[in-house]
Amino acid sequence: MHVELSVTSEHLDKEDLRALIQALRACETATFPDKEIIIRVVAPELSMADCDEIIRSINPPYKRGPFTFTRKP
């Protein structure tokens, strides 16, 4: 099964985004301990280094990634 979930906000800052991803990861590991969900985050206001830092701070760490990409204008 392929499921896509989209969350959009213009009011989250870097720490809010980190908290949101961490909450998703905590829910994932508590509810689906044998599964890993891939999360794609688009935050054009943040640098690649900021995005990489956020993803690397999530615990438990993801088995794959993080992968950060820049968007072409």
C-alpha atoms as a PDB file:
ATOM      1  CA  MET A   1       0.000   0.000   0.000  1.00  0.00           C
ATOM      2  CA  HIS A   2       1.255   3.483  -0.865  1.00  0.00           C
ATOM      3  CA  VAL A   3       0.082   6.318   1.379  1.00  0.00           C
ATOM      4  CA  GLU A   4       0.982   9.999   1.061  1.00  0.00           C
ATOM      5  CA  LEU A   5       0.287  12.492   3.809  1.00  0.00           C
ATOM      6  CA  SER A   6       0.842  16.200   3.321  1.00  0.00           C
ATOM      7  CA  VAL A   7       1.200  18.852   6.019  1.00  0.00           C
ATOM      8  CA  THR A   8       1.571  22.480   5.007  1.00  0.00           C
ATOM      9  CA  SER A   9       2.410  25.439   7.200  1.00  0.00           C
ATOM     10  CA  GLU A  10       3.864  28.876   6.726  1.00  0.00           C
ATOM     11  CA  HIS A  11       4.203  29.366  10.483  1.00  0.00           C
ATOM     12  CA  LEU A  12       6.709  26.713  11.552  1.00  0.00           C
ATOM     13  CA  ASP A  13      10.275  27.664  12.338  1.00  0.00           C
ATOM     14  CA  LYS A  14      13.271  25.332  12.438  1.00  0.00           C
ATOM     15  CA  GLU A  15      12.619  24.125  15.993  1.00  0.00           C
ATOM     16  CA  ASP A  16       8.898  23.626  15.307  1.00  0.00           C
ATOM     17  CA  LEU A  17       9.765  21.516  12.272  1.00  0.00           C
ATOM     18  CA  ARG A  18      12.222  19.470  14.324  1.00  0.00           C
ATOM     19  CA  ALA A  19       9.543  18.888  17.001  1.00  0.00           C
ATOM     20  CA  LEU A  20       6.967  17.847  14.390  1.00  0.00           C
ATOM     21  CA  ILE A  21       9.309  15.330  12.737  1.00  0.00           C
ATOM     22  CA  GLN A  22      10.377  13.975  16.133  1.00  0.00           C
ATOM     23  CA  ALA A  23       6.730  13.532  17.154  1.00  0.00           C
ATOM     24  CA  LEU A  24       6.026  11.650  13.920  1.00  0.00           C
ATOM     25  CA  ARG A  25       9.065   9.438  14.511  1.00  0.00           C
ATOM     26  CA  ALA A  26       8.051   8.740  18.128  1.00  0.00           C
ATOM     27  CA  CYS A  27       4.536   7.795  17.039  1.00  0.00           C
ATOM     28  CA  GLU A  28       5.931   5.628  14.248  1.00  0.00           C
ATOM     29  CA  THR A  29       8.240   3.653  16.540  1.00  0.00           C
ATOM     30  CA  ALA A  30       5.578   3.241  19.253  1.00  0.00           C
ATOM     31  CA  THR A  31       2.752   2.258  16.927  1.00  0.00           C
ATOM     32  CA  PHE A  32       4.591   0.471  14.111  1.00  0.00           C
ATOM     33  CA  PRO A  33       7.802  -0.932  15.645  1.00  0.00           C
ATOM     34  CA  ASP A  34       8.406  -3.254  12.686  1.00  0.00           C
ATOM     35  CA  LYS A  35       7.900  -0.586   9.987  1.00  0.00           C
ATOM     36  CA  GLU A  36       9.712   2.560   8.939  1.00  0.00           C
ATOM     37  CA  ILE A  37       7.934   5.480   7.342  1.00  0.00           C
ATOM     38  CA  ILE A  38       9.762   7.645   4.822  1.00  0.00           C
ATOM     39  CA  ILE A  39       9.226  11.353   5.454  1.00  0.00           C
ATOM     40  CA  ARG A  40       9.792  13.945   2.749  1.00  0.00           C
ATOM     41  CA  VAL A  41      10.139  17.504   3.980  1.00  0.00           C
ATOM     42  CA  VAL A  42      10.146  20.551   1.718  1.00  0.00           C
ATOM     43  CA  ALA A  43      11.338  23.667   3.531  1.00  0.00           C
ATOM     44  CA  PRO A  44      12.779  26.118   0.980  1.00  0.00           C
ATOM     45  CA  GLU A  45      13.504  28.716   3.671  1.00  0.00           C
ATOM     46  CA  LEU A  46      16.004  26.398   5.381  1.00  0.00           C
ATOM     47  CA  SER A  47      19.488  25.691   4.123  1.00  0.00           C
ATOM     48  CA  MET A  48      20.549  22.168   3.227  1.00  0.00           C
ATOM     49  CA  ALA A  49      22.755  22.172   6.337  1.00  0.00           C
ATOM     50  CA  ASP A  50      19.760  23.119   8.526  1.00  0.00           C
ATOM     51  CA  CYS A  51      17.630  20.330   7.025  1.00  0.00           C
ATOM     52  CA  ASP A  52      20.437  17.818   7.439  1.00  0.00           C
ATOM     53  CA  GLU A  53      20.907  18.906  11.071  1.00  0.00           C
ATOM     54  CA  ILE A  54      17.198  18.477  11.802  1.00  0.00           C
ATOM     55  CA  ILE A  55      17.015  14.994  10.301  1.00  0.00           C
ATOM     56  CA  ARG A  56      20.206  13.832  12.034  1.00  0.00           C
ATOM     57  CA  SER A  57      18.821  15.005  15.410  1.00  0.00           C
ATOM     58  CA  ILE A  58      15.780  12.714  15.219  1.00  0.00           C
ATOM     59  CA  ASN A  59      15.848   9.697  17.551  1.00  0.00           C
ATOM     60  CA  PRO A  60      15.854   6.864  17.009  1.00  0.00           C
ATOM     61  CA  PRO A  61      17.787   7.583  13.818  1.00  0.00           C
ATOM     62  CA  TYR A  62      16.376   6.483  10.495  1.00  0.00           C
ATOM     63  CA  LYS A  63      17.917   3.369   8.940  1.00  0.00           C
ATOM     64  CA  ARG A  64      18.212   5.117   5.570  1.00  0.00           C
ATOM     65  CA  GLY A  65      19.178   8.710   5.035  1.00  0.00           C
ATOM     66  CA  PRO A  66      19.017  11.495   5.650  1.00  0.00           C
ATOM     67  CA  PHE A  67      18.936  12.591   2.074  1.00  0.00           C
ATOM     68  CA  THR A  68      18.774  16.319   1.443  1.00  0.00           C
ATOM     69  CA  PHE A  69      18.270  17.883  -1.951  1.00  0.00           C
ATOM     70  CA  THR A  70      18.096  21.425  -3.223  1.00  0.00           C
ATOM     71  CA  ARG A  71      15.228  22.469  -5.426  1.00  0.00           C
ATOM     72  CA  LYS A  72      16.001  23.968  -8.771  1.00  0.00           C
ATOM     73  CA  PRO A  73      14.440  27.395  -9.292  1.00  0.00           C
END
